[in-house]
Amino acid sequence: MNATVNENCIGCGLCAGTCPVCFTMGDDGLAHGGEVPANQLASAQDARDGCPVSAISIEE
C-alpha cells in the first residue's frame, strides 16, 4: 500500500505526528507520503481521516 498527499496539503504535520513511518514533513513545509507497511495501516488511516483538508489517500 502507498500513501499520497495531494496539493491541498497545508503542512499542519498531523499526519507525520500520527504515523511517522508513513508520512514525513519535507523541506518545502508540506507532508509527503510513502509506503504503508501492513502493521501501520490503521495509523495511516487515522492520519488520512484526521487530515483537516482531506489531502491524503491510501491505495494498494
N, C-alpha and C. Protein backbone atom coordinates (compact mmCIF):
# COMPACT_ATOMS: atom_id res chain seq x y z
N MET A 1 0.84 -1.18 0.00
CA MET A 1 0.00 0.00 0.00
C MET A 1 0.89 1.24 0.00
N ASN A 2 0.31 2.32 -0.51
CA ASN A 2 1.06 3.56 -0.61
C ASN A 2 0.17 4.73 -0.19
N ALA A 3 0.75 5.64 0.57
CA ALA A 3 0.04 6.86 0.99
C ALA A 3 0.55 8.01 0.14
N THR A 4 -0.38 8.81 -0.35
CA THR A 4 -0.01 10.00 -1.10
C THR A 4 -0.67 11.22 -0.48
N VAL A 5 -0.02 12.35 -0.64
CA VAL A 5 -0.52 13.63 -0.14
C VAL A 5 -0.65 14.56 -1.34
N ASN A 6 -1.84 15.09 -1.54
CA ASN A 6 -2.05 15.93 -2.73
C ASN A 6 -1.75 17.41 -2.46
N GLU A 7 -2.02 18.22 -3.46
CA GLU A 7 -1.67 19.65 -3.42
C GLU A 7 -2.49 20.45 -2.42
N ASN A 8 -3.51 19.84 -1.81
CA ASN A 8 -4.30 20.55 -0.79
C ASN A 8 -3.59 20.65 0.55
N CYS A 9 -2.47 19.93 0.71
CA CYS A 9 -1.74 19.91 1.98
C CYS A 9 -1.40 21.33 2.43
N ILE A 10 -1.66 21.59 3.73
CA ILE A 10 -1.34 22.89 4.32
C ILE A 10 -0.14 22.81 5.27
N GLY A 11 0.45 21.62 5.38
CA GLY A 11 1.65 21.47 6.20
C GLY A 11 1.41 21.49 7.69
N CYS A 12 0.25 21.06 8.14
CA CYS A 12 -0.05 21.11 9.57
C CYS A 12 0.74 20.09 10.38
N GLY A 13 1.19 19.00 9.75
CA GLY A 13 2.01 17.99 10.43
C GLY A 13 1.23 16.93 11.17
N LEU A 14 -0.09 16.97 11.13
CA LEU A 14 -0.89 15.98 11.84
C LEU A 14 -0.56 14.56 11.37
N CYS A 15 -0.43 14.37 10.08
CA CYS A 15 -0.18 13.02 9.56
C CYS A 15 1.17 12.48 10.02
N ALA A 16 2.20 13.33 9.96
CA ALA A 16 3.53 12.90 10.37
C ALA A 16 3.57 12.61 11.87
N GLY A 17 2.78 13.32 12.63
CA GLY A 17 2.70 13.05 14.06
C GLY A 17 1.92 11.80 14.37
N THR A 18 0.91 11.51 13.57
CA THR A 18 0.07 10.34 13.78
C THR A 18 0.73 9.06 13.29
N CYS A 19 1.39 9.14 12.14
CA CYS A 19 2.00 7.95 11.54
C CYS A 19 3.35 8.32 10.90
N PRO A 20 4.38 8.53 11.72
CA PRO A 20 5.68 8.96 11.20
C PRO A 20 6.38 7.94 10.31
N VAL A 21 5.94 6.69 10.37
CA VAL A 21 6.52 5.67 9.49
C VAL A 21 6.11 5.93 8.04
N CYS A 22 4.91 6.46 7.84
CA CYS A 22 4.35 6.63 6.50
C CYS A 22 4.41 8.05 5.97
N PHE A 23 4.51 9.03 6.85
CA PHE A 23 4.48 10.43 6.43
C PHE A 23 5.65 11.20 7.01
N THR A 24 6.22 12.06 6.20
CA THR A 24 7.30 12.93 6.65
C THR A 24 6.99 14.36 6.22
N MET A 25 7.59 15.29 6.91
CA MET A 25 7.47 16.70 6.53
C MET A 25 8.71 17.06 5.73
N GLY A 26 8.49 17.59 4.54
CA GLY A 26 9.60 17.93 3.66
C GLY A 26 10.17 19.31 3.94
N ASP A 27 11.28 19.59 3.29
CA ASP A 27 11.91 20.90 3.40
C ASP A 27 11.00 22.01 2.85
N ASP A 28 10.02 21.61 2.05
CA ASP A 28 9.06 22.57 1.50
C ASP A 28 7.95 22.91 2.48
N GLY A 29 7.99 22.28 3.67
CA GLY A 29 6.99 22.55 4.70
C GLY A 29 5.71 21.76 4.53
N LEU A 30 5.69 20.86 3.55
CA LEU A 30 4.50 20.06 3.28
C LEU A 30 4.75 18.60 3.61
N ALA A 31 3.67 17.87 3.80
CA ALA A 31 3.78 16.45 4.10
C ALA A 31 4.00 15.64 2.83
N HIS A 32 4.70 14.53 2.99
CA HIS A 32 4.95 13.62 1.89
C HIS A 32 4.67 12.21 2.38
N GLY A 33 3.96 11.44 1.57
CA GLY A 33 3.62 10.08 1.92
C GLY A 33 4.64 9.10 1.40
N GLY A 34 4.37 7.84 1.69
CA GLY A 34 5.26 6.78 1.24
C GLY A 34 4.61 5.43 1.42
N GLU A 35 5.45 4.42 1.47
CA GLU A 35 4.99 3.05 1.64
C GLU A 35 4.28 2.89 2.98
N VAL A 36 3.19 2.13 2.97
CA VAL A 36 2.43 1.85 4.18
C VAL A 36 2.59 0.37 4.51
N PRO A 37 3.44 0.04 5.48
CA PRO A 37 3.56 -1.36 5.89
C PRO A 37 2.24 -1.84 6.49
N ALA A 38 1.97 -3.12 6.35
CA ALA A 38 0.71 -3.68 6.84
C ALA A 38 0.46 -3.36 8.31
N ASN A 39 1.51 -3.37 9.11
CA ASN A 39 1.33 -3.12 10.55
C ASN A 39 1.12 -1.64 10.87
N GLN A 40 1.18 -0.77 9.87
CA GLN A 40 0.96 0.66 10.07
C GLN A 40 -0.31 1.16 9.40
N LEU A 41 -1.07 0.24 8.80
CA LEU A 41 -2.25 0.65 8.05
C LEU A 41 -3.26 1.41 8.90
N ALA A 42 -3.54 0.94 10.10
CA ALA A 42 -4.51 1.61 10.97
C ALA A 42 -4.06 3.04 11.30
N SER A 43 -2.78 3.22 11.58
CA SER A 43 -2.26 4.57 11.88
C SER A 43 -2.32 5.46 10.66
N ALA A 44 -2.01 4.92 9.49
CA ALA A 44 -2.08 5.70 8.26
C ALA A 44 -3.52 6.11 7.97
N GLN A 45 -4.45 5.22 8.22
CA GLN A 45 -5.87 5.54 8.02
C GLN A 45 -6.31 6.61 9.02
N ASP A 46 -5.82 6.55 10.25
CA ASP A 46 -6.13 7.59 11.24
C ASP A 46 -5.62 8.94 10.76
N ALA A 47 -4.41 8.95 10.19
CA ALA A 47 -3.85 10.19 9.66
C ALA A 47 -4.70 10.72 8.51
N ARG A 48 -5.08 9.82 7.62
CA ARG A 48 -5.94 10.22 6.49
C ARG A 48 -7.25 10.80 6.99
N ASP A 49 -7.87 10.12 7.92
CA ASP A 49 -9.17 10.55 8.42
C ASP A 49 -9.09 11.86 9.22
N GLY A 50 -7.93 12.12 9.82
CA GLY A 50 -7.77 13.33 10.61
C GLY A 50 -7.28 14.53 9.83
N CYS A 51 -6.88 14.33 8.59
CA CYS A 51 -6.35 15.44 7.79
C CYS A 51 -7.42 16.52 7.63
N PRO A 52 -7.11 17.76 8.04
CA PRO A 52 -8.13 18.82 8.02
C PRO A 52 -8.53 19.27 6.61
N VAL A 53 -7.71 18.92 5.61
CA VAL A 53 -8.04 19.33 4.24
C VAL A 53 -8.22 18.13 3.30
N SER A 54 -8.35 16.94 3.88
CA SER A 54 -8.57 15.71 3.10
C SER A 54 -7.56 15.56 1.97
N ALA A 55 -6.28 15.77 2.28
CA ALA A 55 -5.23 15.72 1.27
C ALA A 55 -4.59 14.34 1.12
N ILE A 56 -4.99 13.37 1.94
CA ILE A 56 -4.32 12.07 1.96
C ILE A 56 -5.18 11.00 1.32
N SER A 57 -4.53 10.17 0.51
CA SER A 57 -5.19 8.97 0.00
C SER A 57 -4.26 7.78 0.23
N ILE A 58 -4.87 6.63 0.43
CA ILE A 58 -4.12 5.39 0.64
C ILE A 58 -4.62 4.40 -0.40
N GLU A 59 -3.68 3.89 -1.19
CA GLU A 59 -4.04 2.98 -2.29
C GLU A 59 -3.15 1.76 -2.28
N GLU A 60 -3.68 0.68 -2.82
CA GLU A 60 -2.89 -0.55 -2.94
C GLU A 60 -2.00 -0.48 -4.15
